[in-house]
C-alpha atoms as a PDB file:
ATOM      1  CA  MET A   1      -0.035   0.056  -0.070  1.00  0.00           C
ATOM      2  CA  LYS A   2       1.291   3.508  -0.859  1.00  0.00           C
ATOM      3  CA  PRO A   3       1.682   6.001   2.030  1.00  0.00           C
ATOM      4  CA  TRP A   4      -0.662   8.327   0.476  1.00  0.00           C
ATOM      5  CA  HIS A   5      -3.584   6.041   0.333  1.00  0.00           C
ATOM      6  CA  GLY A   6      -6.434   7.550   2.597  1.00  0.00           C
ATOM      7  CA  ILE A   7      -4.936  11.018   2.233  1.00  0.00           C
ATOM      8  CA  ILE A   8      -4.811  11.436  -1.653  1.00  0.00           C
ATOM      9  CA  SER A   9      -8.401  10.766  -2.974  1.00  0.00           C
ATOM     10  CA  ASN A  10      -8.971   8.106  -5.573  1.00  0.00           C
ATOM     11  CA  ALA A  11     -10.481  10.805  -7.815  1.00  0.00           C
ATOM     12  CA  GLU A  12      -7.405  12.770  -7.514  1.00  0.00           C
ATOM     13  CA  GLU A  13      -5.103   9.874  -8.189  1.00  0.00           C
ATOM     14  CA  GLN A  14      -7.226   9.228 -11.284  1.00  0.00           C
ATOM     15  CA  VAL A  15      -6.807  12.631 -12.683  1.00  0.00           C
ATOM     16  CA  TYR A  16      -2.916  12.218 -12.540  1.00  0.00           C
ATOM     17  CA  ASP A  17      -3.214   8.822 -14.132  1.00  0.00           C
ATOM     18  CA  THR A  18      -5.394  10.093 -16.835  1.00  0.00           C
ATOM     19  CA  ALA A  19      -3.028  12.869 -17.517  1.00  0.00           C
ATOM     20  CA  GLY A  20      -0.245  10.391 -18.034  1.00  0.00           C
ATOM     21  CA  PHE A  21       1.716  11.130 -14.823  1.00  0.00           C
ATOM     22  CA  GLY A  22       3.360   8.633 -12.554  1.00  0.00           C
ATOM     23  CA  ARG A  23       4.770   6.165 -15.250  1.00  0.00           C
ATOM     24  CA  PRO A  24       7.786   4.154 -13.910  1.00  0.00           C
ATOM     25  CA  SER A  25      11.246   5.180 -14.862  1.00  0.00           C
ATOM     26  CA  GLY A  26      12.781   1.881 -13.713  1.00  0.00           C
ATOM     27  CA  LEU A  27      16.376   1.210 -12.461  1.00  0.00           C
ATOM     28  CA  GLY A  28      19.452   1.610 -14.415  1.00  0.00           C
ATOM     29  CA  TYR A  29      22.578  -0.443 -13.962  1.00  0.00           C
ATOM     30  CA  ARG A  30      24.755   1.461 -11.822  1.00  0.00           C
ATOM     31  CA  PRO A  31      22.922   2.573  -8.631  1.00  0.00           C
ATOM     32  CA  ALA A  32      24.217   4.782  -5.843  1.00  0.00           C
ATOM     33  CA  LEU A  33      22.662   5.030  -2.336  1.00  0.00           C
ATOM     34  CA  LEU A  34      22.182   8.494  -0.690  1.00  0.00           C
ATOM     35  CA  ILE A  35      21.622   8.651   2.921  1.00  0.00           C
ATOM     36  CA  ILE A  36      20.519  12.141   3.653  1.00  0.00           C
ATOM     37  CA  ASP A  37      20.664  13.748   7.054  1.00  0.00           C
ATOM     38  CA  ILE A  38      20.162  10.668   9.312  1.00  0.00           C
ATOM     39  CA  GLN A  39      21.842  11.955  12.374  1.00  0.00           C
ATOM     40  CA  TYR A  40      20.812  11.942  15.898  1.00  0.00           C
ATOM     41  CA  ARG A  41      19.365  15.354  15.575  1.00  0.00           C
ATOM     42  CA  THR A  42      16.759  13.921  13.271  1.00  0.00           C
ATOM     43  CA  VAL A  43      15.763  10.745  15.223  1.00  0.00           C
ATOM     44  CA  GLY A  44      16.871  11.231  18.696  1.00  0.00           C
ATOM     45  CA  THR A  45      19.527   9.170  20.411  1.00  0.00           C
ATOM     46  CA  VAL A  46      16.959   6.435  21.254  1.00  0.00           C
ATOM     47  CA  PRO A  47      13.625   5.303  19.651  1.00  0.00           C
ATOM     48  CA  ARG A  48      10.642   7.065  21.207  1.00  0.00           C
ATOM     49  CA  SER A  49       7.645   9.231  20.273  1.00  0.00           C
ATOM     50  CA  ILE A  50       8.224  12.523  18.445  1.00  0.00           C
ATOM     51  CA  HIS A  51       7.093  14.487  21.350  1.00  0.00           C
ATOM     52  CA  GLN A  52       9.533  12.800  23.756  1.00  0.00           C
ATOM     53  CA  ALA A  53      12.324  12.993  21.093  1.00  0.00           C
ATOM     54  CA  MET A  54      11.845  16.710  20.540  1.00  0.00           C
ATOM     55  CA  GLN A  55      12.624  17.301  24.229  1.00  0.00           C
ATOM     56  CA  GLU A  56      16.227  16.189  23.312  1.00  0.00           C
ATOM     57  CA  PHE A  57      16.439  17.685  19.984  1.00  0.00           C
ATOM     58  CA  PRO A  58      13.619  20.004  18.658  1.00  0.00           C
ATOM     59  CA  THR A  59      14.348  18.903  15.015  1.00  0.00           C
ATOM     60  CA  SER A  60      13.921  15.252  15.775  1.00  0.00           C
ATOM     61  CA  CYS A  61      11.240  13.181  14.016  1.00  0.00           C
ATOM     62  CA  GLY A  62      11.219  10.358  16.712  1.00  0.00           C
ATOM     63  CA  GLN A  63      10.132   6.925  15.946  1.00  0.00           C
ATOM     64  CA  VAL A  64       9.434   7.182  12.350  1.00  0.00           C
ATOM     65  CA  GLY A  65      13.074   8.044  11.889  1.00  0.00           C
ATOM     66  CA  TRP A  66      14.076   4.882  13.741  1.00  0.00           C
ATOM     67  CA  ASP A  67      11.550   2.859  11.609  1.00  0.00           C
ATOM     68  CA  ALA A  68      13.383   4.083   8.538  1.00  0.00           C
ATOM     69  CA  VAL A  69      16.684   3.304   9.921  1.00  0.00           C
ATOM     70  CA  ALA A  70      15.541  -0.287  10.319  1.00  0.00           C
ATOM     71  CA  HIS A  71      14.593  -0.403   6.634  1.00  0.00           C
ATOM     72  CA  ILE A  72      17.615   1.319   5.281  1.00  0.00           C
ATOM     73  CA  ALA A  73      20.108  -1.201   7.122  1.00  0.00           C
ATOM     74  CA  PRO A  74      19.409  -4.221   4.713  1.00  0.00           C
ATOM     75  CA  LEU A  75      19.414  -1.908   1.782  1.00  0.00           C
ATOM     76  CA  LEU A  76      22.848  -0.430   2.970  1.00  0.00           C
ATOM     77  CA  ASP A  77      24.073  -4.095   3.482  1.00  0.00           C
ATOM     78  CA  MET A  78      23.378  -4.924  -0.150  1.00  0.00           C
ATOM     79  CA  PHE A  79      25.270  -1.957  -1.398  1.00  0.00           C
ATOM     80  CA  ARG A  80      28.269  -2.834   0.812  1.00  0.00           C
ATOM     81  CA  LYS A  81      28.162  -6.503  -0.517  1.00  0.00           C
ATOM     82  CA  LYS A  82      27.650  -5.462  -4.143  1.00  0.00           C
ATOM     83  CA  ASN A  83      30.465  -2.688  -3.823  1.00  0.00           C
ATOM     84  CA  TRP A  84      28.172   0.011  -4.950  1.00  0.00           C
ATOM     85  CA  PRO A  85      28.686   3.602  -3.892  1.00  0.00           C
ATOM     86  CA  VAL A  86      27.164   4.840  -0.697  1.00  0.00           C
ATOM     87  CA  LEU A  87      27.074   8.753  -0.254  1.00  0.00           C
ATOM     88  CA  TYR A  88      26.090  10.696   3.043  1.00  0.00           C
ATOM     89  CA  PRO A  89      24.950  14.281   2.336  1.00  0.00           C
ATOM     90  CA  HIS A  90      24.540  15.721   5.774  1.00  0.00           C
ATOM     91  CA  VAL A  91      24.127  19.025   7.645  1.00  0.00           C
ATOM     92  CA  ALA A  92      27.433  19.853   9.343  1.00  0.00           C
ATOM     93  CA  PRO A  93      27.508  21.697  12.824  1.00  0.00           C
ATOM     94  CA  LYS A  94      26.142  25.173  12.367  1.00  0.00           C
ATOM     95  CA  LEU A  95      28.488  28.166  12.730  1.00  0.00           C
ATOM     96  CA  PRO A  96      27.026  31.671  13.585  1.00  0.00           C
ATOM     97  CA  SER A  97      27.689  32.657   9.997  1.00  0.00           C
ATOM     98  CA  ASP A  98      25.531  29.835   8.888  1.00  0.00           C
ATOM     99  CA  GLY A  99      22.268  31.474   9.921  1.00  0.00           C
ATOM    100  CA  GLY A 100      20.625  32.559   6.581  1.00  0.00           C
ATOM    101  CA  ARG A 101      17.180  32.233   5.561  1.00  0.00           C
ATOM    102  CA  LEU A 102      16.530  28.773   7.258  1.00  0.00           C
ATOM    103  CA  ALA A 103      17.541  30.060  10.589  1.00  0.00           C
ATOM    104  CA  GLU A 104      15.053  32.795  10.204  1.00  0.00           C
ATOM    105  CA  LYS A 105      12.288  30.244   9.504  1.00  0.00           C
ATOM    106  CA  VAL A 106      13.577  27.499  11.845  1.00  0.00           C
ATOM    107  CA  PRO A 107      15.666  29.189  14.659  1.00  0.00           C
ATOM    108  CA  ALA A 108      16.011  25.837  16.496  1.00  0.00           C
ATOM    109  CA  ILE A 109      18.449  24.600  13.887  1.00  0.00           C
ATOM    110  CA  MET A 110      21.167  26.966  15.208  1.00  0.00           C
ATOM    111  CA  SER A 111      21.096  25.392  18.869  1.00  0.00           C
ATOM    112  CA  ILE A 112      21.635  21.666  18.152  1.00  0.00           C
ATOM    113  CA  PRO A 113      24.600  20.441  20.373  1.00  0.00           C
ATOM    114  CA  PRO A 114      27.571  18.758  18.535  1.00  0.00           C
ATOM    115  CA  HIS A 115      26.561  15.172  19.390  1.00  0.00           C
ATOM    116  CA  GLY A 116      23.348  15.702  17.495  1.00  0.00           C
ATOM    117  CA  TYR A 117      25.264  15.918  14.277  1.00  0.00           C
ATOM    118  CA  GLU A 118      26.720  12.437  14.714  1.00  0.00           C
ATOM    119  CA  PHE A 119      25.610   9.706  12.297  1.00  0.00           C
ATOM    120  CA  VAL A 120      23.237   7.128  13.614  1.00  0.00           C
ATOM    121  CA  ARG A 121      25.532   4.170  14.514  1.00  0.00           C
ATOM    122  CA  GLU A 122      23.366   1.414  12.985  1.00  0.00           C
ATOM    123  CA  ILE A 123      23.994   2.895   9.318  1.00  0.00           C
ATOM    124  CA  ALA A 124      26.928   5.086   9.797  1.00  0.00           C
ATOM    125  CA  PRO A 125      29.408   5.665   7.142  1.00  0.00           C
ATOM    126  CA  LEU A 126      32.611   3.535   6.698  1.00  0.00           C
ATOM    127  CA  GLU A 127      35.965   4.953   5.605  1.00  0.00           C
ATOM    128  CA  ARG A 128      35.396   4.260   1.826  1.00  0.00           C
ATOM    129  CA  ASP A 129      32.077   6.146   1.722  1.00  0.00           C
ATOM    130  CA  ILE A 130      31.631   9.723   0.491  1.00  0.00           C
ATOM    131  CA  LEU A 131      30.651  12.397   3.048  1.00  0.00           C
ATOM    132  CA  LEU A 132      29.024  15.510   1.731  1.00  0.00           C
ATOM    133  CA  PRO A 133      28.451  18.357   4.140  1.00  0.00           C
ATOM    134  CA  LYS A 134      25.838  20.740   3.036  1.00  0.00           C
ATOM    135  CA  LYS A 135      24.249  23.912   4.201  1.00  0.00           C
ATOM    136  CA  HIS A 136      20.963  23.884   2.058  1.00  0.00           C
ATOM    137  CA  PRO A 137      18.109  21.404   1.619  1.00  0.00           C
ATOM    138  CA  SER A 138      19.333  19.798  -1.755  1.00  0.00           C
ATOM    139  CA  ALA A 139      22.327  17.517  -1.600  1.00  0.00           C
ATOM    140  CA  PHE A 140      23.432  18.992  -4.790  1.00  0.00           C
ATOM    141  CA  PHE A 141      23.477  22.626  -3.923  1.00  0.00           C
ATOM    142  CA  GLY A 142      26.853  23.898  -3.141  1.00  0.00           C
ATOM    143  CA  THR A 143      28.415  20.405  -2.802  1.00  0.00           C
ATOM    144  CA  PRO A 144      30.318  18.189  -5.183  1.00  0.00           C
ATOM    145  CA  LEU A 145      27.787  15.602  -5.271  1.00  0.00           C
ATOM    146  CA  ALA A 146      26.996  15.801  -8.968  1.00  0.00           C
ATOM    147  CA  SER A 147      30.683  15.485  -9.804  1.00  0.00           C
ATOM    148  CA  HIS A 148      31.137  12.411  -7.602  1.00  0.00           C
ATOM    149  CA  LEU A 149      28.288  10.688  -9.347  1.00  0.00           C
ATOM    150  CA  ILE A 150      29.726  11.459 -12.698  1.00  0.00           C
ATOM    151  CA  ALA A 151      33.151   9.988 -11.647  1.00  0.00           C
ATOM    152  CA  LEU A 152      31.372   6.826 -10.290  1.00  0.00           C
ATOM    153  CA  GLY A 153      29.224   6.411 -13.481  1.00  0.00           C
ATOM    154  CA  ALA A 154      25.990   6.344 -11.473  1.00  0.00           C
ATOM    155  CA  ASP A 155      22.779   6.246 -13.327  1.00  0.00           C
ATOM    156  CA  THR A 156      20.235   5.483 -10.564  1.00  0.00           C
ATOM    157  CA  LEU A 157      20.025   7.327  -7.307  1.00  0.00           C
ATOM    158  CA  ILE A 158      18.423   5.652  -4.276  1.00  0.00           C
ATOM    159  CA  MET A 159      17.210   8.409  -2.012  1.00  0.00           C
ATOM    160  CA  THR A 160      16.802   7.739   1.782  1.00  0.00           C
ATOM    161  CA  GLY A 161      16.772   9.893   4.848  1.00  0.00           C
ATOM    162  CA  CYS A 162      14.879  13.030   5.814  1.00  0.00           C
ATOM    163  CA  THR A 163      12.734  15.022   5.783  1.00  0.00           C
ATOM    164  CA  THR A 164      10.461  13.795   2.876  1.00  0.00           C
ATOM    165  CA  SER A 165       9.182  17.215   2.474  1.00  0.00           C
ATOM    166  CA  GLY A 166      12.502  19.054   2.663  1.00  0.00           C
ATOM    167  CA  CYS A 167      15.938  17.789   1.843  1.00  0.00           C
ATOM    168  CA  ILE A 168      14.550  14.564   0.268  1.00  0.00           C
ATOM    169  CA  ARG A 169      12.254  16.485  -2.064  1.00  0.00           C
ATOM    170  CA  ALA A 170      14.804  19.146  -2.894  1.00  0.00           C
ATOM    171  CA  SER A 171      17.434  16.465  -3.712  1.00  0.00           C
ATOM    172  CA  VAL A 172      15.035  14.394  -5.674  1.00  0.00           C
ATOM    173  CA  VAL A 173      14.150  17.361  -7.918  1.00  0.00           C
ATOM    174  CA  ASP A 174      17.568  18.371  -8.506  1.00  0.00           C
ATOM    175  CA  ALA A 175      18.736  14.643  -9.402  1.00  0.00           C
ATOM    176  CA  PHE A 176      15.802  14.448 -11.808  1.00  0.00           C
ATOM    177  CA  SER A 177      16.659  17.726 -13.312  1.00  0.00           C
ATOM    178  CA  LEU A 178      20.275  16.306 -13.859  1.00  0.00           C
ATOM    179  CA  ASN A 179      18.647  13.341 -15.622  1.00  0.00           C
ATOM    180  CA  PHE A 180      19.422  10.604 -13.043  1.00  0.00           C
ATOM    181  CA  LYS A 181      16.703   8.061 -12.621  1.00  0.00           C
ATOM    182  CA  VAL A 182      15.605   8.418  -8.998  1.00  0.00           C
ATOM    183  CA  VAL A 183      13.993   5.703  -6.695  1.00  0.00           C
ATOM    184  CA  ILE A 184      12.586   6.415  -3.227  1.00  0.00           C
ATOM    185  CA  PRO A 185      12.119   3.390  -1.058  1.00  0.00           C
ATOM    186  CA  GLN A 186       8.982   4.448   0.775  1.00  0.00           C
ATOM    187  CA  GLU A 187       9.870   3.011   4.140  1.00  0.00           C
ATOM    188  CA  CYS A 188      13.243   4.575   4.045  1.00  0.00           C
ATOM    189  CA  VAL A 189      12.263   8.239   4.167  1.00  0.00           C
ATOM    190  CA  TYR A 190      10.595  10.136   7.029  1.00  0.00           C
ATOM    191  CA  ASP A 191       9.188  13.376   7.997  1.00  0.00           C
ATOM    192  CA  ARG A 192       7.705  14.976  11.200  1.00  0.00           C
ATOM    193  CA  GLY A 193       4.381  15.262   9.686  1.00  0.00           C
ATOM    194  CA  GLN A 194       2.318  12.359   8.277  1.00  0.00           C
ATOM    195  CA  VAL A 195       0.355  14.448   5.801  1.00  0.00           C
ATOM    196  CA  SER A 196       3.515  16.362   4.460  1.00  0.00           C
ATOM    197  CA  HIS A 197       5.234  13.067   4.090  1.00  0.00           C
ATOM    198  CA  ALA A 198       2.444  11.454   2.211  1.00  0.00           C
ATOM    199  CA  VAL A 199       1.503  14.227  -0.092  1.00  0.00           C
ATOM    200  CA  ASN A 200       5.201  14.850  -0.970  1.00  0.00           C
ATOM    201  CA  LEU A 201       5.722  11.187  -1.669  1.00  0.00           C
ATOM    202  CA  PHE A 202       2.738  11.206  -3.988  1.00  0.00           C
ATOM    203  CA  ASP A 203       3.739  14.301  -5.932  1.00  0.00           C
ATOM    204  CA  MET A 204       7.292  13.035  -6.315  1.00  0.00           C
ATOM    205  CA  SER A 205       5.881   9.618  -7.571  1.00  0.00           C
ATOM    206  CA  GLN A 206       3.902  11.347 -10.151  1.00  0.00           C
ATOM    207  CA  LYS A 207       6.703  13.616 -11.396  1.00  0.00           C
ATOM    208  CA  TYR A 208      10.278  12.900 -10.370  1.00  0.00           C
ATOM    209  CA  ALA A 209      10.791   9.519  -8.869  1.00  0.00           C
ATOM    210  CA  ASP A 210       9.717   5.912  -8.521  1.00  0.00           C
ATOM    211  CA  VAL A 211       8.436   5.355  -5.012  1.00  0.00           C
ATOM    212  CA  MET A 212       8.750   1.697  -4.181  1.00  0.00           C
ATOM    213  CA  GLU A 213       8.387  -0.688  -1.270  1.00  0.00           C
ATOM    214  CA  THR A 214      11.793  -1.505   0.007  1.00  0.00           C
ATOM    215  CA  ASP A 215      11.418  -5.141  -0.160  1.00  0.00           C
ATOM    216  CA  LYS A 216      10.549  -4.919  -3.825  1.00  0.00           C
ATOM    217  CA  LEU A 217      13.407  -2.545  -4.500  1.00  0.00           C
ATOM    218  CA  LEU A 218      15.821  -4.959  -2.777  1.00  0.00           C
ATOM    219  CA  SER A 219      14.554  -7.807  -5.023  1.00  0.00           C
ATOM    220  CA  SER A 220      15.067  -5.589  -8.156  1.00  0.00           C
ATOM    221  CA  LEU A 221      18.602  -4.616  -7.083  1.00  0.00           C
ATOM    222  CA  GLY A 222      19.511  -8.097  -6.315  1.00  0.00           C
ATOM    223  CA  LEU A 223      19.309  -8.783 -10.154  1.00  0.00           C
ATOM    224  CA  LEU A 224      21.924  -6.212 -11.016  1.00  0.00           C
ATOM    225  CA  GLN A 225      25.648  -6.961 -11.277  1.00  0.00           C
ATOM    226  CA  ALA A 226      27.944  -6.117  -8.344  1.00  0.00           C
ATOM    227  CA  GLN A 227      30.829  -3.573  -9.035  1.00  0.00           C
ATOM    228  CA  PRO A 228      34.261  -5.494  -9.274  1.00  0.00           C
END
């Protein structure tokens, strides 16, 4: 079942289908996994409800983040075994000069303590992975991500992390605009609001990405050749 069922009406889905939106793009042959902003500041240091997690970090999404971590783990394991690239676009600790427009909208982002920026241990990067500090929602904006992907020969980006309506969406739109195939494993992204999460997944599925169940994606990726 798609995450937007019960939120997007059948009639509205039919309009998009009739107009020809939402056709699958499929997988290429050289996938890359992006794990975006999965740091303790977005999930909390232990699994618990969002209201409890926000007492630790106001930007935390709580349990839904930990649920996503559990689904990303087997996906990451497959990428490790097949020697496919894994990249970690992430927000670096904020300096006073990093305020800008986002800090005006969300002042709490400027008060996250240093340990909030640590990667969640269960899916943390290895030495061979590519770390991409960023200061804006898109993983592409102001980073060398596109250059790395060209060097790697990647043709398909598997987008995981948070938030669905923020950094995931911004990164997906830029990836699509750069002509990459984009896949979003639906259990591997999360947001602090269910409606925002669902509506953005629906919209991206219609225009920019294939939204798939993680198990189905794992099965499809399993058919691709490993990197030497």
